[in-house]
Amino acid sequence: MLEDINIISKGDQSKVIDKNKIQRERKKNRLKMQHLDHENIQILEGLYFDGRKDTTFVIDTKKGKNIRKTIKEEHVVLVQEPGSKYLGHVETASGHGYSIKTSIKTF
């Protein structure tokens, strides 16, 4: 139909969009934005973090069956100051200070 109304031709099919083309472009843009973030690294003057326990859905496979379970996970959000820039979040093994410190250092 697109050929009939002269939107595409045999030689130029750049206007045809499928889900894989969209996924490739999204991945390309994500990589480009991550690269730009790494180029614009500033000196970290202050690192702030805050944590909370969240309920998270996980898929558990037992005897060939997928079972959805909810578990409690400790999530810690990292923020850079000045400027309140979101750096990311980490999951900790427990809510204890040592595991939080280890997760932040690994990040």
PDB file of N, CA and C in Angstrom:
ATOM      1  N   MET A   1       0.820  -1.176   0.000  1.00  0.00           N
ATOM      2  CA  MET A   1       0.000   0.000   0.000  1.00  0.00           C
ATOM      3  C   MET A   1       0.872   1.250   0.000  1.00  0.00           C
ATOM      4  N   LEU A   2       1.979   1.253   0.776  1.00  0.00           N
ATOM      5  CA  LEU A   2       2.851   2.423   0.816  1.00  0.00           C
ATOM      6  C   LEU A   2       3.508   2.693  -0.526  1.00  0.00           C
ATOM      7  N   GLU A   3       3.756   1.646  -1.308  1.00  0.00           N
ATOM      8  CA  GLU A   3       4.286   1.842  -2.657  1.00  0.00           C
ATOM      9  C   GLU A   3       3.239   2.473  -3.570  1.00  0.00           C
ATOM     10  N   ASP A   4       1.990   2.080  -3.389  1.00  0.00           N
ATOM     11  CA  ASP A   4       0.910   2.603  -4.231  1.00  0.00           C
ATOM     12  C   ASP A   4       0.713   4.104  -4.052  1.00  0.00           C
ATOM     13  N   ILE A   5       0.892   4.594  -2.854  1.00  0.00           N
ATOM     14  CA  ILE A   5       0.689   6.040  -2.616  1.00  0.00           C
ATOM     15  C   ILE A   5       2.016   6.806  -2.601  1.00  0.00           C
ATOM     16  N   ASN A   6       3.082   6.154  -3.116  1.00  0.00           N
ATOM     17  CA  ASN A   6       4.402   6.775  -3.333  1.00  0.00           C
ATOM     18  C   ASN A   6       5.065   7.283  -2.063  1.00  0.00           C
ATOM     19  N   ILE A   7       4.854   6.596  -0.958  1.00  0.00           N
ATOM     20  CA  ILE A   7       5.586   6.943   0.262  1.00  0.00           C
ATOM     21  C   ILE A   7       6.943   6.237   0.261  1.00  0.00           C
ATOM     22  N   ILE A   8       6.969   4.980  -0.201  1.00  0.00           N
ATOM     23  CA  ILE A   8       8.226   4.240  -0.328  1.00  0.00           C
ATOM     24  C   ILE A   8       8.358   3.744  -1.750  1.00  0.00           C
ATOM     25  N   SER A   9       9.583   3.360  -2.113  1.00  0.00           N
ATOM     26  CA  SER A   9       9.829   2.748  -3.417  1.00  0.00           C
ATOM     27  C   SER A   9      10.699   1.523  -3.196  1.00  0.00           C
ATOM     28  N   LYS A  10      10.980   0.792  -4.270  1.00  0.00           N
ATOM     29  CA  LYS A  10      11.807  -0.413  -4.148  1.00  0.00           C
ATOM     30  C   LYS A  10      13.204  -0.064  -3.632  1.00  0.00           C
ATOM     31  N   GLY A  11      13.735   1.084  -4.034  1.00  0.00           N
ATOM     32  CA  GLY A  11      15.090   1.481  -3.647  1.00  0.00           C
ATOM     33  C   GLY A  11      15.162   2.184  -2.300  1.00  0.00           C
ATOM     34  N   ASP A  12      14.114   2.876  -1.919  1.00  0.00           N
ATOM     35  CA  ASP A  12      14.122   3.656  -0.668  1.00  0.00           C
ATOM     36  C   ASP A  12      13.013   3.159   0.247  1.00  0.00           C
ATOM     37  N   GLN A  13      13.406   2.399   1.273  1.00  0.00           N
ATOM     38  CA  GLN A  13      12.431   1.906   2.233  1.00  0.00           C
ATOM     39  C   GLN A  13      12.728   2.456   3.629  1.00  0.00           C
ATOM     40  N   SER A  14      13.290   3.652   3.696  1.00  0.00           N
ATOM     41  CA  SER A  14      13.673   4.239   4.975  1.00  0.00           C
ATOM     42  C   SER A  14      12.461   4.645   5.824  1.00  0.00           C
ATOM     43  N   LYS A  15      11.304   4.799   5.211  1.00  0.00           N
ATOM     44  CA  LYS A  15      10.119   5.201   5.963  1.00  0.00           C
ATOM     45  C   LYS A  15       9.326   4.022   6.518  1.00  0.00           C
ATOM     46  N   VAL A  16       9.812   2.799   6.292  1.00  0.00           N
ATOM     47  CA  VAL A  16       9.179   1.613   6.844  1.00  0.00           C
ATOM     48  C   VAL A  16       9.727   1.405   8.252  1.00  0.00           C
ATOM     49  N   ILE A  17       8.839   1.313   9.227  1.00  0.00           N
ATOM     50  CA  ILE A  17       9.253   1.186  10.620  1.00  0.00           C
ATOM     51  C   ILE A  17       8.648  -0.080  11.196  1.00  0.00           C
ATOM     52  N   ASP A  18       9.512  -0.892  11.797  1.00  0.00           N
ATOM     53  CA  ASP A  18       9.034  -2.055  12.522  1.00  0.00           C
ATOM     54  C   ASP A  18       9.587  -1.979  13.946  1.00  0.00           C
ATOM     55  N   LYS A  19       9.170  -2.894  14.805  1.00  0.00           N
ATOM     56  CA  LYS A  19       9.559  -2.811  16.213  1.00  0.00           C
ATOM     57  C   LYS A  19      11.056  -3.004  16.394  1.00  0.00           C
ATOM     58  N   ASN A  20      11.703  -3.794  15.535  1.00  0.00           N
ATOM     59  CA  ASN A  20      13.148  -3.995  15.653  1.00  0.00           C
ATOM     60  C   ASN A  20      13.925  -2.728  15.318  1.00  0.00           C
ATOM     61  N   LYS A  21      13.432  -1.971  14.353  1.00  0.00           N
ATOM     62  CA  LYS A  21      14.083  -0.716  13.987  1.00  0.00           C
ATOM     63  C   LYS A  21      14.001   0.277  15.151  1.00  0.00           C
ATOM     64  N   ILE A  22      12.862   0.308  15.810  1.00  0.00           N
ATOM     65  CA  ILE A  22      12.685   1.188  16.967  1.00  0.00           C
ATOM     66  C   ILE A  22      13.608   0.754  18.103  1.00  0.00           C
ATOM     67  N   GLN A  23      13.699  -0.555  18.355  1.00  0.00           N
ATOM     68  CA  GLN A  23      14.580  -1.053  19.421  1.00  0.00           C
ATOM     69  C   GLN A  23      16.035  -0.718  19.132  1.00  0.00           C
ATOM     70  N   ARG A  24      16.472  -0.862  17.881  1.00  0.00           N
ATOM     71  CA  ARG A  24      17.856  -0.529  17.529  1.00  0.00           C
ATOM     72  C   ARG A  24      18.146   0.950  17.751  1.00  0.00           C
ATOM     73  N   GLU A  25      17.229   1.811  17.374  1.00  0.00           N
ATOM     74  CA  GLU A  25      17.429   3.251  17.549  1.00  0.00           C
ATOM     75  C   GLU A  25      17.451   3.623  19.034  1.00  0.00           C
ATOM     76  N   ARG A  26      16.563   3.010  19.829  1.00  0.00           N
ATOM     77  CA  ARG A  26      16.563   3.277  21.265  1.00  0.00           C
ATOM     78  C   ARG A  26      17.880   2.865  21.887  1.00  0.00           C
ATOM     79  N   LYS A  27      18.384   1.685  21.504  1.00  0.00           N
ATOM     80  CA  LYS A  27      19.654   1.204  22.042  1.00  0.00           C
ATOM     81  C   LYS A  27      20.790   2.139  21.639  1.00  0.00           C
ATOM     82  N   LYS A  28      20.787   2.582  20.380  1.00  0.00           N
ATOM     83  CA  LYS A  28      21.822   3.488  19.901  1.00  0.00           C
ATOM     84  C   LYS A  28      21.788   4.812  20.688  1.00  0.00           C
ATOM     85  N   ASN A  29      20.569   5.336  20.925  1.00  0.00           N
ATOM     86  CA  ASN A  29      20.443   6.584  21.678  1.00  0.00           C
ATOM     87  C   ASN A  29      20.867   6.414  23.136  1.00  0.00           C
ATOM     88  N   ARG A  30      20.514   5.267  23.754  1.00  0.00           N
ATOM     89  CA  ARG A  30      20.941   5.021  25.129  1.00  0.00           C
ATOM     90  C   ARG A  30      22.454   4.999  25.241  1.00  0.00           C
ATOM     91  N   LEU A  31      23.116   4.296  24.314  1.00  0.00           N
ATOM     92  CA  LEU A  31      24.581   4.232  24.340  1.00  0.00           C
ATOM     93  C   LEU A  31      25.204   5.605  24.131  1.00  0.00           C
ATOM     94  N   LYS A  32      24.608   6.406  23.239  1.00  0.00           N
ATOM     95  CA  LYS A  32      25.121   7.751  22.981  1.00  0.00           C
ATOM     96  C   LYS A  32      24.976   8.636  24.228  1.00  0.00           C
ATOM     97  N   MET A  33      23.822   8.537  24.902  1.00  0.00           N
ATOM     98  CA  MET A  33      23.603   9.340  26.105  1.00  0.00           C
ATOM     99  C   MET A  33      24.522   8.899  27.237  1.00  0.00           C
ATOM    100  N   GLN A  34      24.768   7.588  27.381  1.00  0.00           N
ATOM    101  CA  GLN A  34      25.692   7.113  28.398  1.00  0.00           C
ATOM    102  C   GLN A  34      27.106   7.612  28.116  1.00  0.00           C
ATOM    103  N   HIS A  35      27.484   7.624  26.844  1.00  0.00           N
ATOM    104  CA  HIS A  35      28.806   8.112  26.475  1.00  0.00           C
ATOM    105  C   HIS A  35      28.946   9.599  26.795  1.00  0.00           C
ATOM    106  N   LEU A  36      27.896  10.378  26.519  1.00  0.00           N
ATOM    107  CA  LEU A  36      27.925  11.806  26.838  1.00  0.00           C
ATOM    108  C   LEU A  36      28.011  12.031  28.339  1.00  0.00           C
ATOM    109  N   ASP A  37      27.312  11.212  29.133  1.00  0.00           N
ATOM    110  CA  ASP A  37      27.386  11.338  30.581  1.00  0.00           C
ATOM    111  C   ASP A  37      28.796  11.085  31.081  1.00  0.00           C
ATOM    112  N   HIS A  38      29.484  10.107  30.480  1.00  0.00           N
ATOM    113  CA  HIS A  38      30.846   9.797  30.918  1.00  0.00           C
ATOM    114  C   HIS A  38      31.823  10.894  30.505  1.00  0.00           C
ATOM    115  N   GLU A  39      31.555  11.605  29.409  1.00  0.00           N
ATOM    116  CA  GLU A  39      32.412  12.709  28.992  1.00  0.00           C
ATOM    117  C   GLU A  39      32.240  13.922  29.892  1.00  0.00           C
ATOM    118  N   ASN A  40      31.038  14.119  30.434  1.00  0.00           N
ATOM    119  CA  ASN A  40      30.740  15.296  31.240  1.00  0.00           C
ATOM    120  C   ASN A  40      30.900  15.037  32.731  1.00  0.00           C
ATOM    121  N   ILE A  41      31.805  14.152  33.098  1.00  0.00           N
ATOM    122  CA  ILE A  41      32.000  13.827  34.504  1.00  0.00           C
ATOM    123  C   ILE A  41      32.616  15.033  35.210  1.00  0.00           C
ATOM    124  N   GLN A  42      32.031  15.397  36.321  1.00  0.00           N
ATOM    125  CA  GLN A  42      32.530  16.492  37.137  1.00  0.00           C
ATOM    126  C   GLN A  42      33.098  15.915  38.418  1.00  0.00           C
ATOM    127  N   ILE A  43      33.836  16.739  39.123  1.00  0.00           N
ATOM    128  CA  ILE A  43      34.367  16.305  40.406  1.00  0.00           C
ATOM    129  C   ILE A  43      33.207  16.137  41.374  1.00  0.00           C
ATOM    130  N   LEU A  44      33.167  15.007  42.021  1.00  0.00           N
ATOM    131  CA  LEU A  44      32.096  14.688  42.955  1.00  0.00           C
ATOM    132  C   LEU A  44      32.415  15.353  44.290  1.00  0.00           C
ATOM    133  N   GLU A  45      31.643  16.392  44.634  1.00  0.00           N
ATOM    134  CA  GLU A  45      31.880  17.109  45.883  1.00  0.00           C
ATOM    135  C   GLU A  45      31.080  16.521  47.030  1.00  0.00           C
ATOM    136  N   GLY A  46      29.910  16.011  46.719  1.00  0.00           N
ATOM    137  CA  GLY A  46      29.076  15.437  47.762  1.00  0.00           C
ATOM    138  C   GLY A  46      28.256  14.285  47.216  1.00  0.00           C
ATOM    139  N   LEU A  47      28.212  13.194  47.973  1.00  0.00           N
ATOM    140  CA  LEU A  47      27.425  12.039  47.580  1.00  0.00           C
ATOM    141  C   LEU A  47      26.384  11.809  48.653  1.00  0.00           C
ATOM    142  N   TYR A  48      25.139  11.885  48.275  1.00  0.00           N
ATOM    143  CA  TYR A  48      24.035  11.676  49.205  1.00  0.00           C
ATOM    144  C   TYR A  48      23.310  10.395  48.821  1.00  0.00           C
ATOM    145  N   PHE A  49      22.829   9.685  49.810  1.00  0.00           N
ATOM    146  CA  PHE A  49      22.097   8.456  49.535  1.00  0.00           C
ATOM    147  C   PHE A  49      20.952   8.310  50.508  1.00  0.00           C
ATOM    148  N   ASP A  50      19.947   7.595  50.057  1.00  0.00           N
ATOM    149  CA  ASP A  50      18.777   7.322  50.872  1.00  0.00           C
ATOM    150  C   ASP A  50      18.261   5.948  50.476  1.00  0.00           C
ATOM    151  N   GLY A  51      17.832   5.171  51.431  1.00  0.00           N
ATOM    152  CA  GLY A  51      17.396   3.825  51.133  1.00  0.00           C
ATOM    153  C   GLY A  51      16.014   3.522  51.681  1.00  0.00           C
ATOM    154  N   ARG A  52      15.415   2.510  51.117  1.00  0.00           N
ATOM    155  CA  ARG A  52      14.136   2.026  51.613  1.00  0.00           C
ATOM    156  C   ARG A  52      13.936   0.600  51.146  1.00  0.00           C
ATOM    157  N   LYS A  53      13.047  -0.094  51.847  1.00  0.00           N
ATOM    158  CA  LYS A  53      12.715  -1.453  51.463  1.00  0.00           C
ATOM    159  C   LYS A  53      11.495  -1.409  50.550  1.00  0.00           C
ATOM    160  N   ASP A  54      11.623  -2.041  49.389  1.00  0.00           N
ATOM    161  CA  ASP A  54      10.540  -2.086  48.412  1.00  0.00           C
ATOM    162  C   ASP A  54      10.123  -3.525  48.192  1.00  0.00           C
ATOM    163  N   THR A  55       8.849  -3.703  47.851  1.00  0.00           N
ATOM    164  CA  THR A  55       8.402  -5.032  47.437  1.00  0.00           C
ATOM    165  C   THR A  55       8.664  -5.154  45.945  1.00  0.00           C
ATOM    166  N   THR A  56       9.267  -6.264  45.551  1.00  0.00           N
ATOM    167  CA  THR A  56       9.670  -6.491  44.174  1.00  0.00           C
ATOM    168  C   THR A  56       9.132  -7.839  43.718  1.00  0.00           C
ATOM    169  N   PHE A  57       8.634  -7.881  42.488  1.00  0.00           N
ATOM    170  CA  PHE A  57       8.174  -9.141  41.910  1.00  0.00           C
ATOM    171  C   PHE A  57       9.349  -9.865  41.273  1.00  0.00           C
ATOM    172  N   VAL A  58       9.477 -11.164  41.543  1.00  0.00           N
ATOM    173  CA  VAL A  58      10.497 -11.999  40.911  1.00  0.00           C
ATOM    174  C   VAL A  58       9.819 -13.253  40.362  1.00  0.00           C
ATOM    175  N   ILE A  59      10.450 -13.844  39.355  1.00  0.00           N
ATOM    176  CA  ILE A  59       9.961 -15.083  38.770  1.00  0.00           C
ATOM    177  C   ILE A  59      10.849 -16.211  39.288  1.00  0.00           C
ATOM    178  N   ASP A  60      10.240 -17.195  39.915  1.00  0.00           N
ATOM    179  CA  ASP A  60      10.940 -18.347  40.457  1.00  0.00           C
ATOM    180  C   ASP A  60      10.537 -19.570  39.638  1.00  0.00           C
ATOM    181  N   THR A  61      11.530 -20.292  39.113  1.00  0.00           N
ATOM    182  CA  THR A  61      11.249 -21.470  38.297  1.00  0.00           C
ATOM    183  C   THR A  61      11.461 -22.718  39.148  1.00  0.00           C
ATOM    184  N   LYS A  62      10.392 -23.440  39.356  1.00  0.00           N
ATOM    185  CA  LYS A  62      10.451 -24.696  40.107  1.00  0.00           C
ATOM    186  C   LYS A  62       9.764 -25.777  39.292  1.00  0.00           C
ATOM    187  N   LYS A  63      10.478 -26.867  39.061  1.00  0.00           N
ATOM    188  CA  LYS A  63       9.931 -28.024  38.339  1.00  0.00           C
ATOM    189  C   LYS A  63       9.362 -27.623  36.970  1.00  0.00           C
ATOM    190  N   GLY A  64      10.038 -26.696  36.300  1.00  0.00           N
ATOM    191  CA  GLY A  64       9.601 -26.283  34.971  1.00  0.00           C
ATOM    192  C   GLY A  64       8.467 -25.288  34.949  1.00  0.00           C
ATOM    193  N   LYS A  65       8.002 -24.840  36.110  1.00  0.00           N
ATOM    194  CA  LYS A  65       6.905 -23.871  36.169  1.00  0.00           C
ATOM    195  C   LYS A  65       7.441 -22.533  36.675  1.00  0.00           C
ATOM    196  N   ASN A  66       6.949 -21.464  36.079  1.00  0.00           N
ATOM    197  CA  ASN A  66       7.316 -20.121  36.520  1.00  0.00           C
ATOM    198  C   ASN A  66       6.300 -19.650  37.556  1.00  0.00           C
ATOM    199  N   ILE A  67       6.794 -19.278  38.716  1.00  0.00           N
ATOM    200  CA  ILE A  67       5.935 -18.815  39.801  1.00  0.00           C
ATOM    201  C   ILE A  67       6.354 -17.389  40.148  1.00  0.00           C
ATOM    202  N   ARG A  68       5.388 -16.481  40.188  1.00  0.00           N
ATOM    203  CA  ARG A  68       5.672 -15.089  40.551  1.00  0.00           C
ATOM    204  C   ARG A  68       5.593 -14.946  42.061  1.00  0.00           C
ATOM    205  N   LYS A  69       6.659 -14.390  42.643  1.00  0.00           N
ATOM    206  CA  LYS A  69       6.715 -14.171  44.089  1.00  0.00           C
ATOM    207  C   LYS A  69       7.036 -12.710  44.355  1.00  0.00           C
ATOM    208  N   THR A  70       6.662 -12.239  45.521  1.00  0.00           N
ATOM    209  CA  THR A  70       7.059 -10.903  45.943  1.00  0.00           C
ATOM    210  C   THR A  70       8.071 -11.046  47.067  1.00  0.00           C
ATOM    211  N   ILE A  71       9.142 -10.257  46.958  1.00  0.00           N
ATOM    212  CA  ILE A  71      10.167 -10.257  47.998  1.00  0.00           C
ATOM    213  C   ILE A  71      10.435  -8.815  48.408  1.00  0.00           C
ATOM    214  N   LYS A  72      11.011  -8.637  49.577  1.00  0.00           N
ATOM    215  CA  LYS A  72      11.410  -7.307  50.047  1.00  0.00           C
ATOM    216  C   LYS A  72      12.881  -7.113  49.704  1.00  0.00           C
ATOM    217  N   GLU A  73      13.205  -6.003  49.037  1.00  0.00           N
ATOM    218  CA  GLU A  73      14.579  -5.677  48.690  1.00  0.00           C
ATOM    219  C   GLU A  73      14.916  -4.289  49.206  1.00  0.00           C
ATOM    220  N   GLU A  74      16.156  -4.135  49.623  1.00  0.00           N
ATOM    221  CA  GLU A  74      16.656  -2.843  50.069  1.00  0.00           C
ATOM    222  C   GLU A  74      17.239  -2.122  48.858  1.00  0.00           C
ATOM    223  N   HIS A  75      16.699  -0.944  48.517  1.00  0.00           N
ATOM    224  CA  HIS A  75      17.196  -0.125  47.414  1.00  0.00           C
ATOM    225  C   HIS A  75      17.770   1.167  47.980  1.00  0.00           C
ATOM    226  N   VAL A  76      18.925   1.574  47.469  1.00  0.00           N
ATOM    227  CA  VAL A  76      19.570   2.805  47.896  1.00  0.00           C
ATOM    228  C   VAL A  76      19.748   3.694  46.673  1.00  0.00           C
ATOM    229  N   VAL A  77      19.255   4.936  46.741  1.00  0.00           N
ATOM    230  CA  VAL A  77      19.359   5.906  45.654  1.00  0.00           C
ATOM    231  C   VAL A  77      20.567   6.788  45.922  1.00  0.00           C
ATOM    232  N   LEU A  78      21.380   7.053  44.863  1.00  0.00           N
ATOM    233  CA  LEU A  78      22.575   7.884  44.974  1.00  0.00           C
ATOM    234  C   LEU A  78      22.367   9.188  44.221  1.00  0.00           C
ATOM    235  N   VAL A  79      22.678  10.307  44.892  1.00  0.00           N
ATOM    236  CA  VAL A  79      22.508  11.641  44.314  1.00  0.00           C
ATOM    237  C   VAL A  79      23.806  12.412  44.494  1.00  0.00           C
ATOM    238  N   GLN A  80      24.237  13.102  43.422  1.00  0.00           N
ATOM    239  CA  GLN A  80      25.448  13.920  43.467  1.00  0.00           C
ATOM    240  C   GLN A  80      25.084  15.357  43.808  1.00  0.00           C
ATOM    241  N   GLU A  81      25.841  15.953  44.675  1.00  0.00           N
ATOM    242  CA  GLU A  81      25.687  17.371  44.988  1.00  0.00           C
ATOM    243  C   GLU A  81      26.989  18.076  44.675  1.00  0.00           C
ATOM    244  N   PRO A  82      26.994  19.300  44.266  1.00  0.00           N
ATOM    245  CA  PRO A  82      25.885  20.210  44.047  1.00  0.00           C
ATOM    246  C   PRO A  82      25.172  19.891  42.741  1.00  0.00           C
ATOM    247  N   GLY A  83      23.964  20.351  42.625  1.00  0.00           N
ATOM    248  CA  GLY A  83      23.195  20.182  41.404  1.00  0.00           C
ATOM    249  C   GLY A  83      22.142  19.095  41.470  1.00  0.00           C
ATOM    250  N   SER A  84      22.134  18.295  42.517  1.00  0.00           N
ATOM    251  CA  SER A  84      21.145  17.233  42.711  1.00  0.00           C
ATOM    252  C   SER A  84      21.019  16.339  41.482  1.00  0.00           C
ATOM    253  N   LYS A  85      22.134  15.823  40.982  1.00  0.00           N
ATOM    254  CA  LYS A  85      22.130  14.949  39.811  1.00  0.00           C
ATOM    255  C   LYS A  85      21.961  13.505  40.261  1.00  0.00           C
ATOM    256  N   TYR A  86      20.956  12.836  39.704  1.00  0.00           N
ATOM    257  CA  TYR A  86      20.692  11.428  40.004  1.00  0.00           C
ATOM    258  C   TYR A  86      21.791  10.580  39.383  1.00  0.00           C
ATOM    259  N   LEU A  87      22.499   9.804  40.200  1.00  0.00           N
ATOM    260  CA  LEU A  87      23.571   8.948  39.702  1.00  0.00           C
ATOM    261  C   LEU A  87      23.091   7.536  39.412  1.00  0.00           C
ATOM    262  N   GLY A  88      22.151   7.041  40.195  1.00  0.00           N
ATOM    263  CA  GLY A  88      21.655   5.690  39.991  1.00  0.00           C
ATOM    264  C   GLY A  88      21.139   5.116  41.297  1.00  0.00           C
ATOM    265  N   HIS A  89      20.875   3.824  41.287  1.00  0.00           N
ATOM    266  CA  HIS A  89      20.454   3.166  42.508  1.00  0.00           C
ATOM    267  C   HIS A  89      21.111   1.802  42.591  1.00  0.00           C
ATOM    268  N   VAL A  90      21.257   1.305  43.799  1.00  0.00           N
ATOM    269  CA  VAL A  90      21.877   0.000  44.021  1.00  0.00           C
ATOM    270  C   VAL A  90      20.966  -0.833  44.907  1.00  0.00           C
ATOM    271  N   GLU A  91      21.129  -2.143  44.787  1.00  0.00           N
ATOM    272  CA  GLU A  91      20.429  -3.068  45.670  1.00  0.00           C
ATOM    273  C   GLU A  91      21.455  -3.604  46.656  1.00  0.00           C
ATOM    274  N   THR A  92      21.071  -3.666  47.904  1.00  0.00           N
ATOM    275  CA  THR A  92      21.996  -4.158  48.918  1.00  0.00           C
ATOM    276  C   THR A  92      21.542  -5.531  49.395  1.00  0.00           C
ATOM    277  N   ALA A  93      22.496  -6.264  49.939  1.00  0.00           N
ATOM    278  CA  ALA A  93      22.178  -7.598  50.443  1.00  0.00           C
ATOM    279  C   ALA A  93      21.291  -7.507  51.682  1.00  0.00           C
ATOM    280  N   SER A  94      21.534  -6.498  52.507  1.00  0.00           N
ATOM    281  CA  SER A  94      20.719  -6.278  53.697  1.00  0.00           C
ATOM    282  C   SER A  94      20.698  -4.784  53.979  1.00  0.00           C
ATOM    283  N   GLY A  95      20.025  -4.395  55.034  1.00  0.00           N
ATOM    284  CA  GLY A  95      19.946  -2.982  55.377  1.00  0.00           C
ATOM    285  C   GLY A  95      21.057  -2.525  56.302  1.00  0.00           C
ATOM    286  N   HIS A  96      22.044  -3.382  56.554  1.00  0.00           N
ATOM    287  CA  HIS A  96      23.127  -3.037  57.453  1.00  0.00           C
ATOM    288  C   HIS A  96      24.129  -2.105  56.780  1.00  0.00           C
ATOM    289  N   GLY A  97      24.816  -1.324  57.588  1.00  0.00           N
ATOM    290  CA  GLY A  97      25.739  -0.316  57.075  1.00  0.00           C
ATOM    291  C   GLY A  97      26.850  -0.887  56.221  1.00  0.00           C
ATOM    292  N   TYR A  98      27.383  -2.046  56.605  1.00  0.00           N
ATOM    293  CA  TYR A  98      28.495  -2.626  55.846  1.00  0.00           C
ATOM    294  C   TYR A  98      28.056  -3.010  54.435  1.00  0.00           C
ATOM    295  N   SER A  99      26.878  -3.604  54.276  1.00  0.00           N
ATOM    296  CA  SER A  99      26.424  -4.003  52.947  1.00  0.00           C
ATOM    297  C   SER A  99      26.067  -2.780  52.094  1.00  0.00           C
ATOM    298  N   ILE A 100      25.551  -1.727  52.721  1.00  0.00           N
ATOM    299  CA  ILE A 100      25.252  -0.480  51.998  1.00  0.00           C
ATOM    300  C   ILE A 100      26.558   0.129  51.510  1.00  0.00           C
ATOM    301  N   LYS A 101      27.574   0.186  52.388  1.00  0.00           N
ATOM    302  CA  LYS A 101      28.880   0.744  52.014  1.00  0.00           C
ATOM    303  C   LYS A 101      29.489  -0.045  50.877  1.00  0.00           C
ATOM    304  N   THR A 102      29.437  -1.360  50.932  1.00  0.00           N
ATOM    305  CA  THR A 102      30.011  -2.209  49.892  1.00  0.00           C
ATOM    306  C   THR A 102      29.303  -1.989  48.556  1.00  0.00           C
ATOM    307  N   SER A 103      27.980  -1.894  48.588  1.00  0.00           N
ATOM    308  CA  SER A 103      27.219  -1.670  47.351  1.00  0.00           C
ATOM    309  C   SER A 103      27.550  -0.327  46.734  1.00  0.00           C
ATOM    310  N   ILE A 104      27.668   0.714  47.560  1.00  0.00           N
ATOM    311  CA  ILE A 104      27.982   2.057  47.044  1.00  0.00           C
ATOM    312  C   ILE A 104      29.389   2.082  46.465  1.00  0.00           C
ATOM    313  N   LYS A 105      30.350   1.462  47.150  1.00  0.00           N
ATOM    314  CA  LYS A 105      31.721   1.443  46.636  1.00  0.00           C
ATOM    315  C   LYS A 105      31.810   0.665  45.323  1.00  0.00           C
ATOM    316  N   THR A 106      31.047  -0.414  45.212  1.00  0.00           N
ATOM    317  CA  THR A 106      31.048  -1.199  43.986  1.00  0.00           C
ATOM    318  C   THR A 106      30.454  -0.387  42.836  1.00  0.00           C
ATOM    319  N   PHE A 107      29.413   0.395  43.129  1.00  0.00           N
ATOM    320  CA  PHE A 107      28.790   1.227  42.104  1.00  0.00           C
ATOM    321  C   PHE A 107      29.776   2.268  41.595  1.00  0.00           C
TER     322      PHE A 107
END
